Amino acid sequence: MKEIKAVVQPSRLPKIRGAFRHVKDFPGMTITKVEGCSRALPHERKSIREELTEFSPKVRIEIVAPDNMVEGILQVLVETSSTGQRGDGIVWVTEAQRMIRIAEQVTVVD
């Protein structure tokens, strides 16, 4: 089980969501609005004040998926997130020790 996280441009979210609709047994995702900045290139150095306050809107995507789905999910994320421009985002994968779907664990008592 892996946790896949990505920070991408908000404008790419509809394309990402549409692509995941075609992934068999896609486990779902959580979306959070965030702000971020990327590292400055040497010729783009700004004042420390600008570097600490200059952020742009991003979307953070979180997905917990079985190991056998990770490569396919990564491929979809990278292909649909890319505009070819600097600042398109970042994707990373970490180990998830355990996942429980809460709704499946609830017992209704009459």
Protein backbone atom coordinates (compact mmCIF):
# COMPACT_ATOMS: atom_id res chain seq x y z
CA MET A 1 0.00 0.00 0.00
CA LYS A 2 1.38 3.41 -0.99
CA GLU A 3 0.39 7.01 -0.46
CA ILE A 4 0.79 9.12 -3.58
CA LYS A 5 0.91 12.88 -3.16
CA ALA A 6 1.10 15.53 -5.82
CA VAL A 7 1.12 19.31 -5.86
CA VAL A 8 -0.06 20.60 -9.24
CA GLN A 9 -1.53 23.59 -11.04
CA PRO A 10 -5.26 24.01 -10.21
CA SER A 11 -6.09 24.37 -13.90
CA ARG A 12 -4.99 20.76 -14.47
CA LEU A 13 -7.42 19.25 -11.95
CA PRO A 14 -10.34 18.68 -14.37
CA LYS A 15 -8.04 16.84 -16.78
CA ILE A 16 -6.58 14.72 -13.94
CA ARG A 17 -10.02 13.87 -12.57
CA GLY A 18 -11.28 12.96 -16.04
CA ALA A 19 -8.32 10.65 -16.63
CA PHE A 20 -8.82 8.86 -13.31
CA ARG A 21 -12.43 8.10 -14.26
CA HIS A 22 -10.97 5.70 -16.82
CA VAL A 23 -8.69 3.89 -14.36
CA LYS A 24 -10.24 0.59 -13.34
CA ASP A 25 -10.79 0.32 -9.56
CA PHE A 26 -9.38 3.80 -8.93
CA PRO A 27 -9.40 4.15 -5.12
CA GLY A 28 -10.33 7.85 -5.00
CA MET A 29 -8.43 10.98 -4.02
CA THR A 30 -8.47 13.90 -1.64
CA ILE A 31 -7.93 17.42 -2.95
CA THR A 32 -6.70 20.37 -0.91
CA LYS A 33 -6.14 23.95 -2.05
CA VAL A 34 -2.61 24.99 -1.09
CA GLU A 35 -0.06 27.66 -1.96
CA GLY A 36 3.52 27.02 -2.91
CA CYS A 37 6.66 28.18 -4.60
CA SER A 38 9.47 26.45 -6.38
CA ARG A 39 13.15 27.05 -5.94
CA ALA A 40 14.52 30.09 -7.70
CA LEU A 41 17.01 29.64 -10.47
CA PRO A 42 20.35 31.45 -9.98
CA HIS A 43 19.44 34.24 -12.44
CA GLU A 44 16.04 34.72 -10.75
CA ARG A 45 17.28 35.52 -7.26
CA LYS A 46 14.96 37.88 -5.42
CA SER A 47 15.05 39.52 -2.05
CA ILE A 48 14.42 37.28 0.93
CA ARG A 49 11.13 39.13 1.55
CA GLU A 50 9.94 38.32 -1.99
CA GLU A 51 11.03 34.70 -1.69
CA LEU A 52 9.14 34.26 1.59
CA THR A 53 5.90 35.89 0.43
CA GLU A 54 5.65 35.07 -3.28
CA PHE A 55 3.42 31.99 -3.50
CA SER A 56 1.04 30.77 -6.17
CA PRO A 57 -2.13 28.70 -5.82
CA LYS A 58 -1.70 24.95 -6.19
CA VAL A 59 -3.77 21.84 -5.59
CA ARG A 60 -2.53 18.96 -3.45
CA ILE A 61 -3.77 15.51 -4.41
CA GLU A 62 -3.55 12.58 -2.00
CA ILE A 63 -4.26 8.98 -3.02
CA VAL A 64 -3.83 5.76 -1.06
CA ALA A 65 -3.53 2.83 -3.47
CA PRO A 66 -2.44 -0.80 -3.64
CA ASP A 67 1.14 -1.34 -4.80
CA ASN A 68 0.03 -2.79 -8.14
CA MET A 69 -1.78 0.46 -9.08
CA VAL A 70 0.97 2.93 -8.22
CA GLU A 71 2.79 3.06 -11.57
CA GLY A 72 -0.44 3.56 -13.52
CA ILE A 73 -1.58 6.33 -11.16
CA LEU A 74 1.83 8.04 -11.38
CA GLN A 75 1.69 7.89 -15.17
CA VAL A 76 -1.75 9.52 -15.23
CA LEU A 77 -0.67 12.23 -12.77
CA VAL A 78 2.52 13.13 -14.62
CA GLU A 79 0.98 13.07 -18.10
CA THR A 80 -2.12 15.06 -17.21
CA SER A 81 -0.37 17.55 -14.92
CA SER A 82 2.32 18.58 -17.33
CA THR A 83 2.07 21.79 -19.33
CA GLY A 84 5.77 21.76 -20.13
CA GLN A 85 6.33 24.85 -18.00
CA ARG A 86 8.41 25.39 -14.92
CA GLY A 87 6.24 25.12 -11.81
CA ASP A 88 3.99 22.34 -13.12
CA GLY A 89 4.34 20.55 -9.80
CA ILE A 90 5.78 17.57 -8.00
CA VAL A 91 4.68 13.99 -7.26
CA TRP A 92 6.03 11.66 -4.56
CA VAL A 93 5.24 8.26 -3.12
CA THR A 94 5.55 7.01 0.46
CA GLU A 95 4.74 3.76 2.19
CA ALA A 96 1.30 3.54 3.81
CA GLN A 97 1.28 1.05 6.66
CA ARG A 98 -2.47 0.63 6.86
CA MET A 99 -5.72 1.94 5.44
CA ILE A 100 -9.26 1.44 6.67
CA ARG A 101 -12.31 2.56 4.72
CA ILE A 102 -14.46 3.93 7.53
CA ALA A 103 -17.85 3.40 5.87
CA GLU A 104 -17.09 -0.30 5.42
CA GLN A 105 -16.35 -0.68 9.13
CA VAL A 106 -19.55 0.88 10.44
CA THR A 107 -22.19 -1.45 11.87
CA VAL A 108 -25.73 -0.09 12.01
CA VAL A 109 -27.68 -1.09 15.11
CA ASP A 110 -31.49 -0.72 15.07
